[in-house]
Amino acid sequence: MTEHEISARVREYVTENFLYMRQGYEFSDTDSLPGHGIIDSMGVIELITFVQDEFAVQVEEPEITEENFGTLAAIVRFVQGKQREHLAA
């Protein structure tokens, strides 16, 4: 999956599941999802479950960080890294 495809799918998920009450709310790939009130701690867990299911990657507990799941860009980097690891194995 390309960077654009991953980003588009995660953006769609976030918009549908966390911004349904804020129609038209726009955020960039580098905006902090928790920092902008888009997701809370429970939302992070939901997002991780989505990422695992949608992109067939395993997220280990130490990987659940702001660096990996704080922005769309971070999630894309994380998913692509996991997919590269899987291909190299």
C-alpha atoms as a PDB file:
ATOM      1  CA  MET A   1       0.000   0.000   0.000  1.00  0.00           C
ATOM      2  CA  THR A   2       1.289   3.457  -0.831  1.00  0.00           C
ATOM      3  CA  GLU A   3       1.789   6.283   1.634  1.00  0.00           C
ATOM      4  CA  HIS A   4      -1.168   8.112   0.093  1.00  0.00           C
ATOM      5  CA  GLU A   5      -3.446   5.063   0.350  1.00  0.00           C
ATOM      6  CA  ILE A   6      -2.565   4.473   3.997  1.00  0.00           C
ATOM      7  CA  SER A   7      -3.034   8.155   4.841  1.00  0.00           C
ATOM      8  CA  ALA A   8      -6.378   8.346   3.025  1.00  0.00           C
ATOM      9  CA  ARG A   9      -7.719   5.239   4.746  1.00  0.00           C
ATOM     10  CA  VAL A  10      -6.629   6.368   8.230  1.00  0.00           C
ATOM     11  CA  ARG A  11      -8.027   9.868   7.612  1.00  0.00           C
ATOM     12  CA  GLU A  12     -11.340   8.332   6.515  1.00  0.00           C
ATOM     13  CA  TYR A  13     -11.464   6.175   9.645  1.00  0.00           C
ATOM     14  CA  VAL A  14     -10.645   9.087  11.970  1.00  0.00           C
ATOM     15  CA  THR A  15     -13.207  11.334  10.288  1.00  0.00           C
ATOM     16  CA  GLU A  16     -15.972   8.718  10.381  1.00  0.00           C
ATOM     17  CA  ASN A  17     -15.334   7.500  13.911  1.00  0.00           C
ATOM     18  CA  PHE A  18     -14.108  10.528  15.834  1.00  0.00           C
ATOM     19  CA  LEU A  19     -15.291  13.609  13.951  1.00  0.00           C
ATOM     20  CA  TYR A  20     -18.858  12.617  13.074  1.00  0.00           C
ATOM     21  CA  MET A  21     -20.167  15.359  15.373  1.00  0.00           C
ATOM     22  CA  ARG A  22     -17.815  17.961  13.874  1.00  0.00           C
ATOM     23  CA  GLN A  23     -18.717  17.875  10.192  1.00  0.00           C
ATOM     24  CA  GLY A  24     -16.231  19.706   8.010  1.00  0.00           C
ATOM     25  CA  TYR A  25     -13.466  19.718  10.643  1.00  0.00           C
ATOM     26  CA  GLU A  26     -10.150  19.757   8.816  1.00  0.00           C
ATOM     27  CA  PHE A  27      -6.781  18.608  10.105  1.00  0.00           C
ATOM     28  CA  SER A  28      -3.411  18.148   8.483  1.00  0.00           C
ATOM     29  CA  ASP A  29      -1.256  15.034   8.404  1.00  0.00           C
ATOM     30  CA  THR A  30       1.007  16.600  11.038  1.00  0.00           C
ATOM     31  CA  ASP A  31      -1.659  17.888  13.449  1.00  0.00           C
ATOM     32  CA  SER A  32      -1.569  16.135  16.820  1.00  0.00           C
ATOM     33  CA  LEU A  33      -4.681  13.963  17.038  1.00  0.00           C
ATOM     34  CA  PRO A  34      -4.844  14.053  20.855  1.00  0.00           C
ATOM     35  CA  GLY A  35      -3.566  17.622  21.007  1.00  0.00           C
ATOM     36  CA  HIS A  36      -6.387  18.867  18.781  1.00  0.00           C
ATOM     37  CA  GLY A  37      -8.995  16.910  20.742  1.00  0.00           C
ATOM     38  CA  ILE A  38      -9.646  14.554  17.825  1.00  0.00           C
ATOM     39  CA  ILE A  39      -9.003  11.395  19.851  1.00  0.00           C
ATOM     40  CA  ASP A  40      -8.636  10.600  23.531  1.00  0.00           C
ATOM     41  CA  SER A  41      -6.962   7.638  25.219  1.00  0.00           C
ATOM     42  CA  MET A  42      -9.831   5.284  24.353  1.00  0.00           C
ATOM     43  CA  GLY A  43      -9.719   6.576  20.794  1.00  0.00           C
ATOM     44  CA  VAL A  44      -6.046   5.660  20.578  1.00  0.00           C
ATOM     45  CA  ILE A  45      -6.918   2.061  21.469  1.00  0.00           C
ATOM     46  CA  GLU A  46      -9.657   2.017  18.819  1.00  0.00           C
ATOM     47  CA  LEU A  47      -7.250   3.493  16.286  1.00  0.00           C
ATOM     48  CA  ILE A  48      -4.615   0.871  17.075  1.00  0.00           C
ATOM     49  CA  THR A  49      -7.158  -1.909  16.631  1.00  0.00           C
ATOM     50  CA  PHE A  50      -8.139  -0.408  13.273  1.00  0.00           C
ATOM     51  CA  VAL A  51      -4.500  -0.149  12.155  1.00  0.00           C
ATOM     52  CA  GLN A  52      -3.831  -3.770  13.093  1.00  0.00           C
ATOM     53  CA  ASP A  53      -6.928  -5.041  11.311  1.00  0.00           C
ATOM     54  CA  GLU A  54      -6.777  -2.789   8.254  1.00  0.00           C
ATOM     55  CA  PHE A  55      -3.068  -3.060   7.489  1.00  0.00           C
ATOM     56  CA  ALA A  56      -2.315  -6.528   8.916  1.00  0.00           C
ATOM     57  CA  VAL A  57       0.375  -5.282  11.293  1.00  0.00           C
ATOM     58  CA  GLN A  58       0.985  -6.179  14.916  1.00  0.00           C
ATOM     59  CA  VAL A  59       1.373  -3.309  17.368  1.00  0.00           C
ATOM     60  CA  GLU A  60       3.397  -4.156  20.456  1.00  0.00           C
ATOM     61  CA  GLU A  61       2.711  -2.312  23.713  1.00  0.00           C
ATOM     62  CA  PRO A  62       6.040  -0.386  23.713  1.00  0.00           C
ATOM     63  CA  GLU A  63       5.142   0.910  20.228  1.00  0.00           C
ATOM     64  CA  ILE A  64       2.014   2.669  21.504  1.00  0.00           C
ATOM     65  CA  THR A  65       3.520   6.128  21.656  1.00  0.00           C
ATOM     66  CA  GLU A  66       2.745   9.646  20.504  1.00  0.00           C
ATOM     67  CA  GLU A  67       5.656   9.252  18.100  1.00  0.00           C
ATOM     68  CA  ASN A  68       3.885   6.353  16.342  1.00  0.00           C
ATOM     69  CA  PHE A  69       0.208   7.280  16.748  1.00  0.00           C
ATOM     70  CA  GLY A  70       0.066  11.013  17.436  1.00  0.00           C
ATOM     71  CA  THR A  71      -0.464  12.207  13.856  1.00  0.00           C
ATOM     72  CA  LEU A  72      -1.557  10.795  10.524  1.00  0.00           C
ATOM     73  CA  ALA A  73       1.994  11.161   9.231  1.00  0.00           C
ATOM     74  CA  ALA A  74       3.315   9.175  12.221  1.00  0.00           C
ATOM     75  CA  ILE A  75       0.790   6.403  11.666  1.00  0.00           C
ATOM     76  CA  VAL A  76       1.737   6.178   7.979  1.00  0.00           C
ATOM     77  CA  ARG A  77       5.445   5.939   8.891  1.00  0.00           C
ATOM     78  CA  PHE A  78       4.691   3.295  11.497  1.00  0.00           C
ATOM     79  CA  VAL A  79       2.565   1.167   9.163  1.00  0.00           C
ATOM     80  CA  GLN A  80       5.070   1.390   6.327  1.00  0.00           C
ATOM     81  CA  GLY A  81       7.887   0.426   8.708  1.00  0.00           C
ATOM     82  CA  LYS A  82       5.949  -2.577   9.948  1.00  0.00           C
ATOM     83  CA  GLN A  83       5.126  -3.638   6.403  1.00  0.00           C
ATOM     84  CA  ARG A  84       8.818  -3.370   5.417  1.00  0.00           C
ATOM     85  CA  GLU A  85       9.762  -5.494   8.457  1.00  0.00           C
ATOM     86  CA  HIS A  86       7.238  -8.109   7.396  1.00  0.00           C
ATOM     87  CA  LEU A  87       8.594  -8.213   3.838  1.00  0.00           C
ATOM     88  CA  ALA A  88      12.174  -8.514   5.073  1.00  0.00           C
ATOM     89  CA  ALA A  89      11.335 -11.456   7.349  1.00  0.00           C
END
